[in-house]
Amino acid sequence: MFHLTSLLLSFGFYNQIGVIKAVRNCLDSSGDVTALWVTHRLEELEYADGAVYMEDGRVKMHGNAADIMDFIKTRQSAYIKEINS
């Protein structure tokens, strides 16, 4: 099992893509490997099979990455509207 916590924050864009591809290749080549990827970057969800959204240390939602991304974007939009009102 890989446990990757905010791994890509210190890398440039092209190095980030390289790490994502390397992890993905490792996962694709072996059915015995699992990766738990902790991130704050929505764009990394594009590579996920599933996702969990946490807030204040509690799971708020889990499911496929596209649904989680939509949920987060909706929450962000509501937060921005609240700030601007």
N, C-alpha and C. Protein backbone atom coordinates (compact mmCIF):
# COMPACT_ATOMS: atom_id res chain seq x y z
N MET A 1 0.84 -1.17 0.00
CA MET A 1 0.00 0.00 0.00
C MET A 1 0.88 1.23 0.00
N PHE A 2 0.56 2.18 -0.84
CA PHE A 2 1.20 3.49 -0.83
C PHE A 2 0.32 4.42 0.00
N HIS A 3 0.92 5.27 0.81
CA HIS A 3 0.18 6.33 1.50
C HIS A 3 0.85 7.63 1.12
N LEU A 4 0.19 8.42 0.32
CA LEU A 4 0.76 9.64 -0.24
C LEU A 4 -0.01 10.84 0.28
N THR A 5 0.59 11.61 1.15
CA THR A 5 -0.07 12.75 1.78
C THR A 5 0.50 14.04 1.24
N SER A 6 -0.32 14.78 0.52
CA SER A 6 0.08 16.08 -0.05
C SER A 6 1.45 15.99 -0.71
N LEU A 7 1.69 14.88 -1.36
CA LEU A 7 2.98 14.58 -1.95
C LEU A 7 3.42 15.60 -2.99
N LEU A 8 2.51 16.09 -3.77
CA LEU A 8 2.88 16.87 -4.94
C LEU A 8 3.02 18.37 -4.69
N LEU A 9 2.77 18.81 -3.49
CA LEU A 9 2.80 20.25 -3.22
C LEU A 9 4.14 20.90 -3.54
N SER A 10 5.22 20.16 -3.36
CA SER A 10 6.54 20.76 -3.56
C SER A 10 7.08 20.56 -4.97
N PHE A 11 6.36 19.85 -5.82
CA PHE A 11 6.83 19.59 -7.18
C PHE A 11 6.26 20.59 -8.16
N GLY A 12 6.99 20.82 -9.25
CA GLY A 12 6.46 21.60 -10.36
C GLY A 12 5.44 20.78 -11.12
N PHE A 13 4.72 21.42 -12.03
CA PHE A 13 3.62 20.77 -12.75
C PHE A 13 4.07 19.49 -13.45
N TYR A 14 5.15 19.53 -14.22
CA TYR A 14 5.55 18.36 -14.99
C TYR A 14 6.03 17.23 -14.09
N ASN A 15 6.67 17.57 -12.98
CA ASN A 15 7.07 16.53 -12.03
C ASN A 15 5.84 15.92 -11.35
N GLN A 16 4.82 16.73 -11.10
CA GLN A 16 3.58 16.22 -10.51
C GLN A 16 2.96 15.17 -11.42
N ILE A 17 2.88 15.49 -12.70
CA ILE A 17 2.31 14.56 -13.67
C ILE A 17 3.12 13.28 -13.71
N GLY A 18 4.44 13.41 -13.65
CA GLY A 18 5.31 12.23 -13.65
C GLY A 18 5.06 11.33 -12.45
N VAL A 19 4.90 11.91 -11.28
CA VAL A 19 4.63 11.12 -10.07
C VAL A 19 3.27 10.45 -10.18
N ILE A 20 2.28 11.18 -10.62
CA ILE A 20 0.93 10.60 -10.77
C ILE A 20 0.97 9.42 -11.74
N LYS A 21 1.65 9.59 -12.87
CA LYS A 21 1.74 8.51 -13.86
C LYS A 21 2.50 7.31 -13.30
N ALA A 22 3.56 7.55 -12.55
CA ALA A 22 4.33 6.45 -11.97
C ALA A 22 3.49 5.66 -10.96
N VAL A 23 2.76 6.36 -10.12
CA VAL A 23 1.90 5.68 -9.15
C VAL A 23 0.82 4.90 -9.89
N ARG A 24 0.21 5.54 -10.89
CA ARG A 24 -0.85 4.90 -11.66
C ARG A 24 -0.33 3.64 -12.36
N ASN A 25 0.87 3.71 -12.94
CA ASN A 25 1.46 2.55 -13.61
C ASN A 25 1.69 1.41 -12.63
N CYS A 26 2.16 1.75 -11.44
CA CYS A 26 2.39 0.74 -10.41
C CYS A 26 1.08 0.07 -10.02
N LEU A 27 0.04 0.87 -9.86
CA LEU A 27 -1.26 0.32 -9.49
C LEU A 27 -1.83 -0.54 -10.61
N ASP A 28 -1.68 -0.09 -11.85
CA ASP A 28 -2.22 -0.82 -12.99
C ASP A 28 -1.50 -2.15 -13.22
N SER A 29 -0.21 -2.21 -12.85
CA SER A 29 0.58 -3.41 -13.13
C SER A 29 0.44 -4.48 -12.05
N SER A 30 -0.16 -4.15 -10.93
CA SER A 30 -0.29 -5.12 -9.85
C SER A 30 -1.65 -4.99 -9.18
N GLY A 31 -2.33 -6.08 -9.08
CA GLY A 31 -3.61 -6.08 -8.39
C GLY A 31 -3.46 -6.07 -6.88
N ASP A 32 -2.22 -6.19 -6.40
CA ASP A 32 -1.95 -6.29 -4.97
C ASP A 32 -1.57 -4.96 -4.34
N VAL A 33 -1.63 -3.87 -5.09
CA VAL A 33 -1.17 -2.58 -4.58
C VAL A 33 -2.35 -1.62 -4.47
N THR A 34 -2.41 -0.92 -3.35
CA THR A 34 -3.43 0.09 -3.11
C THR A 34 -2.74 1.40 -2.81
N ALA A 35 -3.28 2.49 -3.28
CA ALA A 35 -2.73 3.81 -2.97
C ALA A 35 -3.80 4.62 -2.25
N LEU A 36 -3.43 5.18 -1.14
CA LEU A 36 -4.29 6.12 -0.42
C LEU A 36 -3.65 7.49 -0.60
N TRP A 37 -4.32 8.33 -1.35
CA TRP A 37 -3.78 9.62 -1.77
C TRP A 37 -4.52 10.72 -1.03
N VAL A 38 -3.84 11.44 -0.18
CA VAL A 38 -4.44 12.55 0.57
C VAL A 38 -4.04 13.84 -0.13
N THR A 39 -5.03 14.63 -0.51
CA THR A 39 -4.72 15.85 -1.27
C THR A 39 -5.71 16.95 -0.97
N HIS A 40 -5.31 18.15 -1.29
CA HIS A 40 -6.19 19.31 -1.22
C HIS A 40 -6.42 19.88 -2.62
N ARG A 41 -5.91 19.19 -3.62
CA ARG A 41 -5.95 19.69 -4.99
C ARG A 41 -6.99 18.93 -5.82
N LEU A 42 -8.01 19.65 -6.26
CA LEU A 42 -9.10 19.01 -7.01
C LEU A 42 -8.62 18.33 -8.29
N GLU A 43 -7.64 18.90 -8.96
CA GLU A 43 -7.20 18.32 -10.22
C GLU A 43 -6.64 16.91 -10.06
N GLU A 44 -6.18 16.56 -8.87
CA GLU A 44 -5.66 15.21 -8.64
C GLU A 44 -6.79 14.18 -8.58
N LEU A 45 -8.02 14.62 -8.36
CA LEU A 45 -9.15 13.69 -8.34
C LEU A 45 -9.40 13.07 -9.70
N GLU A 46 -8.92 13.70 -10.76
CA GLU A 46 -9.11 13.15 -12.10
C GLU A 46 -8.49 11.77 -12.24
N TYR A 47 -7.52 11.45 -11.39
CA TYR A 47 -6.81 10.17 -11.48
C TYR A 47 -7.31 9.16 -10.46
N ALA A 48 -8.33 9.51 -9.69
CA ALA A 48 -8.80 8.65 -8.61
C ALA A 48 -9.92 7.72 -9.04
N ASP A 49 -9.93 6.53 -8.48
CA ASP A 49 -11.03 5.59 -8.71
C ASP A 49 -12.22 5.95 -7.81
N GLY A 50 -11.92 6.50 -6.66
CA GLY A 50 -12.94 6.91 -5.71
C GLY A 50 -12.36 7.98 -4.82
N ALA A 51 -13.22 8.60 -4.03
CA ALA A 51 -12.74 9.69 -3.18
C ALA A 51 -13.59 9.81 -1.93
N VAL A 52 -13.00 10.42 -0.92
CA VAL A 52 -13.69 10.72 0.33
C VAL A 52 -13.47 12.20 0.62
N TYR A 53 -14.55 12.91 0.93
CA TYR A 53 -14.45 14.32 1.30
C TYR A 53 -14.61 14.41 2.81
N MET A 54 -13.62 15.05 3.45
CA MET A 54 -13.65 15.22 4.89
C MET A 54 -13.68 16.70 5.24
N GLU A 55 -14.34 17.01 6.32
CA GLU A 55 -14.43 18.37 6.82
C GLU A 55 -14.42 18.30 8.34
N ASP A 56 -13.56 19.09 8.96
CA ASP A 56 -13.44 19.09 10.42
C ASP A 56 -13.18 17.69 10.97
N GLY A 57 -12.37 16.91 10.24
CA GLY A 57 -11.99 15.58 10.70
C GLY A 57 -13.05 14.51 10.54
N ARG A 58 -14.12 14.83 9.85
CA ARG A 58 -15.22 13.86 9.68
C ARG A 58 -15.53 13.66 8.19
N VAL A 59 -15.87 12.44 7.85
CA VAL A 59 -16.27 12.13 6.48
C VAL A 59 -17.64 12.75 6.22
N LYS A 60 -17.70 13.58 5.19
CA LYS A 60 -18.97 14.21 4.79
C LYS A 60 -19.59 13.50 3.59
N MET A 61 -18.73 12.92 2.75
CA MET A 61 -19.23 12.26 1.54
C MET A 61 -18.16 11.32 1.02
N HIS A 62 -18.59 10.21 0.42
CA HIS A 62 -17.65 9.32 -0.27
C HIS A 62 -18.35 8.77 -1.50
N GLY A 63 -17.55 8.45 -2.50
CA GLY A 63 -18.12 7.94 -3.74
C GLY A 63 -17.12 8.07 -4.87
N ASN A 64 -17.63 8.17 -6.09
CA ASN A 64 -16.71 8.30 -7.21
C ASN A 64 -16.14 9.72 -7.25
N ALA A 65 -15.00 9.84 -7.86
CA ALA A 65 -14.27 11.11 -7.84
C ALA A 65 -15.05 12.25 -8.49
N ALA A 66 -15.77 11.97 -9.56
CA ALA A 66 -16.54 13.03 -10.25
C ALA A 66 -17.63 13.60 -9.33
N ASP A 67 -18.32 12.73 -8.61
CA ASP A 67 -19.36 13.20 -7.68
C ASP A 67 -18.76 14.02 -6.54
N ILE A 68 -17.62 13.59 -6.04
CA ILE A 68 -16.96 14.33 -4.96
C ILE A 68 -16.52 15.70 -5.47
N MET A 69 -15.98 15.74 -6.69
CA MET A 69 -15.54 17.01 -7.26
C MET A 69 -16.71 17.97 -7.42
N ASP A 70 -17.84 17.46 -7.90
CA ASP A 70 -19.04 18.30 -8.04
C ASP A 70 -19.51 18.82 -6.69
N PHE A 71 -19.50 17.96 -5.68
CA PHE A 71 -19.90 18.33 -4.32
C PHE A 71 -19.01 19.46 -3.79
N ILE A 72 -17.70 19.31 -3.98
CA ILE A 72 -16.75 20.33 -3.49
C ILE A 72 -16.95 21.64 -4.23
N LYS A 73 -17.12 21.59 -5.54
CA LYS A 73 -17.31 22.81 -6.32
C LYS A 73 -18.60 23.53 -5.91
N THR A 74 -19.65 22.77 -5.62
CA THR A 74 -20.90 23.37 -5.16
C THR A 74 -20.69 24.07 -3.82
N ARG A 75 -19.96 23.42 -2.91
CA ARG A 75 -19.68 24.02 -1.59
C ARG A 75 -18.81 25.27 -1.74
N GLN A 76 -17.84 25.21 -2.64
CA GLN A 76 -16.98 26.37 -2.87
C GLN A 76 -17.80 27.55 -3.40
N SER A 77 -18.68 27.27 -4.34
CA SER A 77 -19.51 28.32 -4.92
C SER A 77 -20.40 28.96 -3.86
N ALA A 78 -21.00 28.15 -3.01
CA ALA A 78 -21.85 28.69 -1.94
C ALA A 78 -21.03 29.53 -0.96
N TYR A 79 -19.83 29.07 -0.67
CA TYR A 79 -18.95 29.81 0.25
C TYR A 79 -18.57 31.17 -0.35
N ILE A 80 -18.24 31.19 -1.62
CA ILE A 80 -17.86 32.44 -2.29
C ILE A 80 -19.05 33.41 -2.33
N LYS A 81 -20.24 32.88 -2.62
CA LYS A 81 -21.43 33.74 -2.62
C LYS A 81 -21.68 34.34 -1.24
N GLU A 82 -21.48 33.53 -0.21
CA GLU A 82 -21.68 34.01 1.16
C GLU A 82 -20.67 35.11 1.50
N ILE A 83 -19.44 34.95 1.10
CA ILE A 83 -18.41 35.95 1.36
C ILE A 83 -18.73 37.25 0.64
N ASN A 84 -19.21 37.15 -0.59
CA ASN A 84 -19.47 38.33 -1.42
C ASN A 84 -20.81 39.01 -1.14
N SER A 85 -21.63 38.44 -0.28
CA SER A 85 -22.93 39.05 -0.04
C SER A 85 -22.91 39.99 1.17
